[in-house]
N, C-alpha and C. Protein backbone atom coordinates (compact mmCIF):
# COMPACT_ATOMS: atom_id res chain seq x y z
N UNK A 1 8.70 90.20 -19.57
CA UNK A 1 8.71 91.28 -18.85
C UNK A 1 10.06 91.72 -18.62
N UNK A 2 9.90 92.95 -18.43
CA UNK A 2 11.39 93.90 -18.73
C UNK A 2 11.29 94.59 -17.51
N UNK A 3 12.40 94.86 -17.17
CA UNK A 3 12.61 95.30 -15.56
C UNK A 3 13.46 96.37 -15.52
N UNK A 4 13.73 97.34 -14.92
CA UNK A 4 14.55 98.60 -14.73
C UNK A 4 14.62 98.96 -13.51
N UNK A 5 15.69 99.71 -13.14
CA UNK A 5 16.09 100.01 -11.64
C UNK A 5 15.84 101.31 -11.73
N UNK A 6 15.43 101.95 -10.28
CA UNK A 6 15.60 103.37 -9.79
C UNK A 6 16.89 104.00 -9.65
N UNK A 7 17.48 104.91 -10.34
CA UNK A 7 18.73 105.18 -9.98
C UNK A 7 18.53 106.31 -8.36
N UNK A 8 20.05 106.44 -8.01
CA UNK A 8 20.07 107.27 -6.69
C UNK A 8 19.32 108.56 -6.67
N UNK A 9 18.68 109.07 -8.24
CA UNK A 9 18.19 110.48 -8.44
C UNK A 9 17.06 110.12 -8.22
N UNK A 10 16.20 109.11 -8.55
CA UNK A 10 15.00 108.72 -8.45
C UNK A 10 14.44 108.70 -10.08
N UNK A 11 15.64 108.49 -10.91
CA UNK A 11 15.26 108.41 -12.09
C UNK A 11 14.89 107.19 -12.75
N UNK A 12 14.12 106.66 -13.70
CA UNK A 12 13.79 105.40 -14.39
C UNK A 12 14.28 105.40 -15.82
N UNK A 13 14.88 104.34 -16.23
CA UNK A 13 15.38 104.31 -17.89
C UNK A 13 13.97 103.36 -18.35
N UNK A 14 13.29 104.11 -19.54
CA UNK A 14 12.35 103.40 -20.18
C UNK A 14 13.18 102.30 -20.88
N UNK A 15 13.07 100.82 -21.00
CA UNK A 15 13.79 100.04 -21.93
C UNK A 15 13.58 100.07 -23.35
N UNK A 16 14.72 99.71 -24.18
CA UNK A 16 14.52 100.31 -25.35
C UNK A 16 13.32 99.52 -26.31
N UNK A 17 13.00 98.41 -25.84
CA UNK A 17 12.25 97.58 -26.61
C UNK A 17 10.55 98.32 -26.40
N UNK A 18 10.61 98.87 -25.50
CA UNK A 18 9.22 99.34 -24.64
C UNK A 18 9.21 100.69 -25.66
N UNK A 19 10.46 101.57 -25.59
CA UNK A 19 10.27 102.86 -26.31
C UNK A 19 9.87 102.61 -27.87
N UNK A 20 10.69 101.57 -28.43
CA UNK A 20 10.34 101.23 -29.69
C UNK A 20 8.72 100.81 -29.97
N UNK A 21 8.30 100.13 -29.19
CA UNK A 21 6.94 99.61 -29.42
C UNK A 21 5.95 100.93 -29.48
N UNK A 22 6.16 101.67 -28.28
CA UNK A 22 5.19 102.89 -27.89
C UNK A 22 5.61 103.90 -29.00
N UNK A 23 6.97 104.06 -29.67
CA UNK A 23 7.14 105.07 -30.43
C UNK A 23 7.37 106.40 -29.96
N UNK A 24 7.88 106.28 -28.36
CA UNK A 24 8.47 107.29 -27.58
C UNK A 24 9.74 108.09 -28.06
N UNK A 25 9.64 109.46 -27.80
CA UNK A 25 10.80 109.98 -28.28
C UNK A 25 11.43 110.75 -26.97
N UNK A 26 12.56 111.43 -27.19
CA UNK A 26 13.42 112.12 -26.07
C UNK A 26 12.74 113.29 -25.76
N UNK A 27 12.67 113.65 -24.54
CA UNK A 27 11.58 114.94 -24.55
C UNK A 27 9.88 114.90 -24.54
N UNK A 28 9.73 113.72 -24.72
CA UNK A 28 8.32 113.64 -24.69
C UNK A 28 7.53 113.65 -23.24
N UNK A 29 6.50 114.34 -23.01
CA UNK A 29 5.85 114.27 -21.94
C UNK A 29 5.08 113.29 -21.35
N UNK A 30 5.06 113.00 -20.13
CA UNK A 30 4.23 111.47 -19.87
C UNK A 30 3.42 112.11 -18.49
N UNK A 31 2.13 111.61 -18.41
CA UNK A 31 1.56 111.69 -17.17
C UNK A 31 1.84 110.31 -16.14
N UNK A 32 2.08 110.69 -14.89
CA UNK A 32 2.14 109.65 -13.96
C UNK A 32 1.13 109.55 -13.23
N UNK A 33 0.60 108.18 -13.08
CA UNK A 33 -0.61 107.95 -12.23
C UNK A 33 -0.39 106.84 -11.23
N UNK A 34 -0.78 106.68 -10.18
CA UNK A 34 -0.80 105.83 -9.18
C UNK A 34 -2.33 105.46 -8.99
N UNK A 35 -2.22 104.10 -8.73
CA UNK A 35 -3.73 103.48 -8.41
C UNK A 35 -3.34 101.85 -8.04
N UNK A 36 -3.76 101.84 -6.62
CA UNK A 36 -3.70 100.46 -5.97
C UNK A 36 -2.30 100.01 -6.28
N UNK A 37 -1.43 100.73 -5.87
CA UNK A 37 0.18 100.67 -5.61
C UNK A 37 0.86 100.13 -6.80
N UNK A 38 0.36 100.72 -8.13
CA UNK A 38 0.63 100.57 -9.43
C UNK A 38 1.20 101.84 -10.13
N UNK A 39 2.39 102.31 -10.69
CA UNK A 39 2.50 103.31 -11.02
C UNK A 39 2.25 103.11 -12.75
N UNK A 40 1.85 104.11 -13.37
CA UNK A 40 1.49 104.29 -14.77
C UNK A 40 2.01 105.59 -15.24
N UNK A 41 3.30 105.12 -16.45
CA UNK A 41 3.28 106.37 -17.37
C UNK A 41 2.72 106.31 -18.31
N UNK A 42 1.61 107.47 -19.02
CA UNK A 42 0.95 107.24 -19.67
C UNK A 42 1.61 108.63 -20.64
N UNK A 43 1.76 108.20 -21.90
CA UNK A 43 2.42 108.92 -22.86
C UNK A 43 1.45 110.38 -23.35
N UNK A 44 1.80 111.70 -23.42
CA UNK A 44 1.01 112.52 -23.80
C UNK A 44 0.77 112.66 -25.30
N UNK A 45 -0.24 112.75 -25.84
CA UNK A 45 -0.18 112.74 -27.43
C UNK A 45 -0.85 114.32 -27.89
N UNK A 46 -0.41 114.69 -29.08
CA UNK A 46 -1.24 115.92 -29.39
C UNK A 46 -2.88 115.37 -29.71
N UNK A 47 -3.55 116.61 -29.55
CA UNK A 47 -4.92 116.71 -30.16
C UNK A 47 -5.04 115.82 -31.41
N UNK A 48 -4.14 116.37 -32.15
CA UNK A 48 -4.28 115.98 -33.77
C UNK A 48 -3.92 114.46 -33.79
N UNK A 49 -3.40 113.95 -33.05
CA UNK A 49 -3.21 112.27 -33.02
C UNK A 49 -4.59 111.54 -33.06
N UNK A 50 -5.56 112.05 -32.32
CA UNK A 50 -6.91 111.57 -32.20
C UNK A 50 -8.12 112.09 -33.39
N UNK A 51 -7.37 112.76 -34.41
CA UNK A 51 -8.03 112.85 -35.41
C UNK A 51 -8.49 111.64 -36.26
N UNK A 52 -9.80 111.23 -36.75
CA UNK A 52 -10.42 110.12 -37.40
C UNK A 52 -10.35 108.96 -36.60
N UNK A 53 -9.87 108.88 -35.08
CA UNK A 53 -10.12 107.79 -34.55
C UNK A 53 -11.25 107.04 -34.28
N UNK A 54 -12.48 107.57 -34.32
CA UNK A 54 -13.87 107.15 -34.19
C UNK A 54 -14.43 106.91 -35.77
N UNK A 55 -13.60 107.15 -36.74
CA UNK A 55 -14.13 106.54 -38.07
C UNK A 55 -14.62 105.17 -38.14
N UNK A 56 -15.74 105.61 -38.84
CA UNK A 56 -16.50 103.99 -38.97
C UNK A 56 -17.39 103.66 -38.03
N UNK A 57 -17.60 104.44 -36.73
CA UNK A 57 -18.29 104.15 -35.86
C UNK A 57 -19.73 104.47 -36.03
N UNK A 58 -20.36 103.36 -35.40
CA UNK A 58 -22.23 103.30 -35.82
C UNK A 58 -22.67 104.57 -34.81
N UNK A 59 -23.42 105.33 -35.44
CA UNK A 59 -23.82 106.38 -34.71
C UNK A 59 -25.67 106.15 -34.54
N UNK A 60 -26.05 105.28 -35.08
CA UNK A 60 -27.50 104.70 -35.04
C UNK A 60 -28.30 104.69 -33.56
N UNK A 61 -27.46 104.40 -32.41
CA UNK A 61 -27.72 104.47 -31.27
C UNK A 61 -27.74 105.80 -30.44
N UNK A 62 -27.31 106.73 -31.26
CA UNK A 62 -26.86 107.70 -30.29
C UNK A 62 -28.25 108.62 -30.10
N UNK A 63 -28.53 109.03 -28.58
CA UNK A 63 -29.40 109.77 -28.54
C UNK A 63 -29.69 111.19 -29.20
N UNK A 64 -31.02 111.48 -29.69
CA UNK A 64 -31.17 112.72 -30.25
C UNK A 64 -31.45 113.80 -29.19
N UNK A 65 -31.33 115.22 -29.50
CA UNK A 65 -31.77 116.30 -28.63
C UNK A 65 -33.12 116.14 -27.87
N UNK A 66 -34.04 115.54 -28.69
CA UNK A 66 -35.53 115.47 -28.31
C UNK A 66 -35.56 114.31 -27.74
N UNK A 67 -34.95 113.51 -27.31
CA UNK A 67 -34.86 112.16 -26.47
C UNK A 67 -34.42 112.54 -25.03
N UNK A 68 -33.75 113.88 -24.80
CA UNK A 68 -33.17 113.98 -23.59
C UNK A 68 -34.19 114.56 -22.83
């Protein structure tokens, strides 16, 4: 586990190994979410990055309009 420190200006540096692992770039937007006393930084991705991520999914169990 990697640790970091909050600066006097309340800035946090994301360690290099984490930046490399997640392919983060300078200026990239992050969503900040808190839940149960934990802070989550979630990198925003362009919509095009999700293209094809459901490829190969079995759609046999999807309800049809008549079944609704």
